[in-house]
């Protein structure tokens, strides 16, 4: 979508309106229209964002996003992917917390993968860990408090 064309058209309209007066008002109108270019660009982006939100409410299986390539916006339809959250094992309350230190490159790849699937980074990591452990065919025994919990197969 070419916002620059619309901004130039608005600027031309402002200059034409200012030209109805004398030369000094025409020059002032031209300068004002040039100074308004960044504000016009932001206002047009606001309009596109509101339009995308309104359209998204009417779509049952997706939403509209405004994506910028440089200064030029694109309206993109994104289909919502229904992904099943990892099922918690009996007794898991999903309240355990860990601090995970990742290299920046890996963190960026994890965030990109979770964005691509439309889920949070945390949900993506939980699902990836769950899949990795389930494919081994064995569960790791975990110490919770003073008890051991889990099982292993040999």
C-alpha atoms as a PDB file:
ATOM      1  CA  UNK A   1       0.000   0.000   0.000  1.00  0.00           C
ATOM      2  CA  UNK A   2       1.513   3.330  -1.037  1.00  0.00           C
ATOM      3  CA  UNK A   3       0.870   5.887   1.707  1.00  0.00           C
ATOM      4  CA  UNK A   4       3.203   8.381   0.039  1.00  0.00           C
ATOM      5  CA  UNK A   5       0.723   8.911  -2.810  1.00  0.00           C
ATOM      6  CA  UNK A   6      -2.099   9.643  -0.376  1.00  0.00           C
ATOM      7  CA  UNK A   7       0.080  11.972   1.689  1.00  0.00           C
ATOM      8  CA  UNK A   8       1.090  13.909  -1.446  1.00  0.00           C
ATOM      9  CA  UNK A   9      -2.579  14.187  -2.439  1.00  0.00           C
ATOM     10  CA  UNK A  10      -3.494  15.605   0.983  1.00  0.00           C
ATOM     11  CA  UNK A  11      -0.566  18.003   0.805  1.00  0.00           C
ATOM     12  CA  UNK A  12      -1.685  19.141  -2.663  1.00  0.00           C
ATOM     13  CA  UNK A  13      -5.213  19.703  -1.327  1.00  0.00           C
ATOM     14  CA  UNK A  14      -3.848  21.795   1.546  1.00  0.00           C
ATOM     15  CA  UNK A  15      -1.644  23.813  -0.830  1.00  0.00           C
ATOM     16  CA  UNK A  16      -4.599  24.387  -3.180  1.00  0.00           C
ATOM     17  CA  UNK A  17      -6.735  25.618  -0.302  1.00  0.00           C
ATOM     18  CA  UNK A  18      -3.964  27.970   0.831  1.00  0.00           C
ATOM     19  CA  UNK A  19      -3.503  29.247  -2.734  1.00  0.00           C
ATOM     20  CA  UNK A  20      -6.980  30.785  -2.601  1.00  0.00           C
ATOM     21  CA  UNK A  21      -5.397  33.704  -0.736  1.00  0.00           C
ATOM     22  CA  UNK A  22      -2.361  35.797  -1.658  1.00  0.00           C
ATOM     23  CA  UNK A  23       1.151  34.529  -2.431  1.00  0.00           C
ATOM     24  CA  UNK A  24       2.325  34.657   1.185  1.00  0.00           C
ATOM     25  CA  UNK A  25      -0.601  32.520   2.399  1.00  0.00           C
ATOM     26  CA  UNK A  26       0.041  30.076  -0.469  1.00  0.00           C
ATOM     27  CA  UNK A  27       3.704  29.778   0.592  1.00  0.00           C
ATOM     28  CA  UNK A  28       2.689  29.358   4.253  1.00  0.00           C
ATOM     29  CA  UNK A  29       0.182  26.657   3.271  1.00  0.00           C
ATOM     30  CA  UNK A  30       2.847  24.799   1.262  1.00  0.00           C
ATOM     31  CA  UNK A  31       5.279  24.894   4.193  1.00  0.00           C
ATOM     32  CA  UNK A  32       2.627  23.715   6.639  1.00  0.00           C
ATOM     33  CA  UNK A  33       1.630  20.830   4.362  1.00  0.00           C
ATOM     34  CA  UNK A  34       5.282  19.721   4.115  1.00  0.00           C
ATOM     35  CA  UNK A  35       5.704  19.947   7.890  1.00  0.00           C
ATOM     36  CA  UNK A  36       2.605  17.801   8.388  1.00  0.00           C
ATOM     37  CA  UNK A  37       3.970  14.833   6.389  1.00  0.00           C
ATOM     38  CA  UNK A  38       5.148  12.739   9.405  1.00  0.00           C
ATOM     39  CA  UNK A  39       1.896  13.420  11.280  1.00  0.00           C
ATOM     40  CA  UNK A  40      -0.162  12.495   8.217  1.00  0.00           C
ATOM     41  CA  UNK A  41       1.780   9.250   7.853  1.00  0.00           C
ATOM     42  CA  UNK A  42       1.113   8.297  11.484  1.00  0.00           C
ATOM     43  CA  UNK A  43      -2.582   9.193  11.224  1.00  0.00           C
ATOM     44  CA  UNK A  44      -2.986   7.049   8.116  1.00  0.00           C
ATOM     45  CA  UNK A  45      -1.281   4.151   9.903  1.00  0.00           C
ATOM     46  CA  UNK A  46      -3.708   4.661  12.814  1.00  0.00           C
ATOM     47  CA  UNK A  47      -6.637   4.469  10.387  1.00  0.00           C
ATOM     48  CA  UNK A  48      -5.280   1.251   8.860  1.00  0.00           C
ATOM     49  CA  UNK A  49      -4.771  -0.250  12.315  1.00  0.00           C
ATOM     50  CA  UNK A  50      -8.323   0.564  13.364  1.00  0.00           C
ATOM     51  CA  UNK A  51      -9.635  -0.879  10.103  1.00  0.00           C
ATOM     52  CA  UNK A  52      -7.618  -4.065  10.657  1.00  0.00           C
ATOM     53  CA  UNK A  53      -8.987  -4.416  14.194  1.00  0.00           C
ATOM     54  CA  UNK A  54     -12.552  -3.911  12.968  1.00  0.00           C
ATOM     55  CA  UNK A  55     -12.131  -6.484  10.217  1.00  0.00           C
ATOM     56  CA  UNK A  56     -10.468  -8.936  12.594  1.00  0.00           C
ATOM     57  CA  UNK A  57     -13.513  -8.908  14.874  1.00  0.00           C
ATOM     58  CA  UNK A  58     -15.650 -10.134  11.974  1.00  0.00           C
ATOM     59  CA  UNK A  59     -13.295 -12.982  11.036  1.00  0.00           C
ATOM     60  CA  UNK A  60     -13.925 -16.248  12.876  1.00  0.00           C
ATOM     61  CA  UNK A  61     -10.730 -18.090  11.917  1.00  0.00           C
ATOM     62  CA  UNK A  62      -8.095 -15.394  11.683  1.00  0.00           C
ATOM     63  CA  UNK A  63      -7.192 -11.759  11.988  1.00  0.00           C
ATOM     64  CA  UNK A  64      -5.784  -8.887   9.956  1.00  0.00           C
ATOM     65  CA  UNK A  65      -2.376  -7.442  10.776  1.00  0.00           C
ATOM     66  CA  UNK A  66      -0.763  -4.228   9.614  1.00  0.00           C
ATOM     67  CA  UNK A  67       2.839  -5.015   8.722  1.00  0.00           C
ATOM     68  CA  UNK A  68       5.420  -2.420   7.787  1.00  0.00           C
ATOM     69  CA  UNK A  69       8.087  -2.874   5.127  1.00  0.00           C
ATOM     70  CA  UNK A  70      10.144   0.252   5.606  1.00  0.00           C
ATOM     71  CA  UNK A  71       7.514   2.981   5.817  1.00  0.00           C
ATOM     72  CA  UNK A  72       4.948   1.215   3.640  1.00  0.00           C
ATOM     73  CA  UNK A  73       2.194  -0.793   5.355  1.00  0.00           C
ATOM     74  CA  UNK A  74       0.594  -4.017   4.164  1.00  0.00           C
ATOM     75  CA  UNK A  75      -2.644  -5.544   5.408  1.00  0.00           C
ATOM     76  CA  UNK A  76      -2.092  -9.267   5.905  1.00  0.00           C
ATOM     77  CA  UNK A  77      -4.634 -11.961   6.739  1.00  0.00           C
ATOM     78  CA  UNK A  78      -3.295 -14.363   9.371  1.00  0.00           C
ATOM     79  CA  UNK A  79      -5.156 -17.598   9.956  1.00  0.00           C
ATOM     80  CA  UNK A  80      -5.361 -18.508  13.628  1.00  0.00           C
ATOM     81  CA  UNK A  81      -3.770 -21.879  14.194  1.00  0.00           C
ATOM     82  CA  UNK A  82      -5.549 -23.949  16.790  1.00  0.00           C
ATOM     83  CA  UNK A  83      -2.701 -25.607  18.638  1.00  0.00           C
ATOM     84  CA  UNK A  84      -3.329 -27.852  21.553  1.00  0.00           C
ATOM     85  CA  UNK A  85      -1.477 -26.759  24.640  1.00  0.00           C
ATOM     86  CA  UNK A  86       0.653 -29.470  26.152  1.00  0.00           C
ATOM     87  CA  UNK A  87      -1.380 -31.542  28.529  1.00  0.00           C
ATOM     88  CA  UNK A  88      -0.171 -31.385  32.063  1.00  0.00           C
ATOM     89  CA  UNK A  89       0.481 -34.650  33.819  1.00  0.00           C
ATOM     90  CA  UNK A  90      -1.751 -35.496  36.731  1.00  0.00           C
ATOM     91  CA  UNK A  91      -0.739 -33.376  39.687  1.00  0.00           C
ATOM     92  CA  UNK A  92       1.072 -30.730  37.615  1.00  0.00           C
ATOM     93  CA  UNK A  93      -0.186 -27.267  38.396  1.00  0.00           C
ATOM     94  CA  UNK A  94       2.013 -25.425  35.854  1.00  0.00           C
ATOM     95  CA  UNK A  95       3.431 -23.169  38.538  1.00  0.00           C
ATOM     96  CA  UNK A  96       7.056 -24.308  38.555  1.00  0.00           C
ATOM     97  CA  UNK A  97       9.481 -21.621  37.449  1.00  0.00           C
ATOM     98  CA  UNK A  98      12.993 -21.831  36.083  1.00  0.00           C
ATOM     99  CA  UNK A  99      15.466 -19.283  34.816  1.00  0.00           C
ATOM    100  CA  UNK A 100      16.814 -20.276  31.445  1.00  0.00           C
ATOM    101  CA  UNK A 101      19.875 -18.599  29.971  1.00  0.00           C
ATOM    102  CA  UNK A 102      20.036 -18.861  26.194  1.00  0.00           C
ATOM    103  CA  UNK A 103      22.452 -17.506  23.619  1.00  0.00           C
ATOM    104  CA  UNK A 104      20.900 -14.490  21.835  1.00  0.00           C
ATOM    105  CA  UNK A 105      20.772 -16.351  18.516  1.00  0.00           C
ATOM    106  CA  UNK A 106      18.874 -19.291  19.990  1.00  0.00           C
ATOM    107  CA  UNK A 107      16.512 -16.981  21.870  1.00  0.00           C
ATOM    108  CA  UNK A 108      15.712 -15.143  18.637  1.00  0.00           C
ATOM    109  CA  UNK A 109      15.026 -18.458  16.854  1.00  0.00           C
ATOM    110  CA  UNK A 110      12.726 -19.634  19.675  1.00  0.00           C
ATOM    111  CA  UNK A 111      10.814 -16.338  19.603  1.00  0.00           C
ATOM    112  CA  UNK A 112      10.487 -16.507  15.811  1.00  0.00           C
ATOM    113  CA  UNK A 113       9.194 -20.088  15.983  1.00  0.00           C
ATOM    114  CA  UNK A 114       6.645 -19.222  18.671  1.00  0.00           C
ATOM    115  CA  UNK A 115       5.488 -16.153  16.704  1.00  0.00           C
ATOM    116  CA  UNK A 116       5.131 -18.289  13.594  1.00  0.00           C
ATOM    117  CA  UNK A 117       2.898 -20.711  15.487  1.00  0.00           C
ATOM    118  CA  UNK A 118       0.964 -17.906  17.159  1.00  0.00           C
ATOM    119  CA  UNK A 119       1.688 -18.974  20.727  1.00  0.00           C
ATOM    120  CA  UNK A 120       3.703 -17.483  23.559  1.00  0.00           C
ATOM    121  CA  UNK A 121       7.391 -18.210  23.855  1.00  0.00           C
ATOM    122  CA  UNK A 122       6.755 -19.949  27.175  1.00  0.00           C
ATOM    123  CA  UNK A 123       4.061 -22.212  25.670  1.00  0.00           C
ATOM    124  CA  UNK A 124       6.374 -23.047  22.760  1.00  0.00           C
ATOM    125  CA  UNK A 125       9.231 -24.005  25.091  1.00  0.00           C
ATOM    126  CA  UNK A 126       6.926 -26.117  27.306  1.00  0.00           C
ATOM    127  CA  UNK A 127       5.560 -27.923  24.238  1.00  0.00           C
ATOM    128  CA  UNK A 128       9.051 -28.487  22.782  1.00  0.00           C
ATOM    129  CA  UNK A 129      10.364 -29.884  26.064  1.00  0.00           C
ATOM    130  CA  UNK A 130       7.298 -32.078  26.488  1.00  0.00           C
ATOM    131  CA  UNK A 131       7.679 -33.490  22.972  1.00  0.00           C
ATOM    132  CA  UNK A 132      11.404 -34.101  23.471  1.00  0.00           C
ATOM    133  CA  UNK A 133      10.812 -36.040  26.676  1.00  0.00           C
ATOM    134  CA  UNK A 134       7.811 -37.977  25.336  1.00  0.00           C
ATOM    135  CA  UNK A 135       9.698 -39.176  22.244  1.00  0.00           C
ATOM    136  CA  UNK A 136      12.383 -40.813  24.353  1.00  0.00           C
ATOM    137  CA  UNK A 137       9.899 -43.317  25.764  1.00  0.00           C
ATOM    138  CA  UNK A 138      11.044 -42.637  29.294  1.00  0.00           C
ATOM    139  CA  UNK A 139      10.187 -40.092  31.888  1.00  0.00           C
ATOM    140  CA  UNK A 140      12.809 -38.591  34.081  1.00  0.00           C
ATOM    141  CA  UNK A 141      12.402 -39.094  37.792  1.00  0.00           C
ATOM    142  CA  UNK A 142      11.976 -35.741  39.465  1.00  0.00           C
ATOM    143  CA  UNK A 143      12.457 -34.871  43.116  1.00  0.00           C
ATOM    144  CA  UNK A 144       9.574 -32.713  44.375  1.00  0.00           C
ATOM    145  CA  UNK A 145      10.060 -31.696  47.962  1.00  0.00           C
ATOM    146  CA  UNK A 146      10.910 -34.857  49.905  1.00  0.00           C
ATOM    147  CA  UNK A 147       9.241 -37.201  47.391  1.00  0.00           C
ATOM    148  CA  UNK A 148      10.359 -38.724  44.128  1.00  0.00           C
ATOM    149  CA  UNK A 149       7.805 -38.504  41.366  1.00  0.00           C
ATOM    150  CA  UNK A 150       7.740 -40.177  37.928  1.00  0.00           C
ATOM    151  CA  UNK A 151       8.773 -43.443  36.347  1.00  0.00           C
ATOM    152  CA  UNK A 152      11.386 -44.835  33.946  1.00  0.00           C
ATOM    153  CA  UNK A 153      11.449 -47.653  31.445  1.00  0.00           C
ATOM    154  CA  UNK A 154      14.500 -49.694  30.519  1.00  0.00           C
END
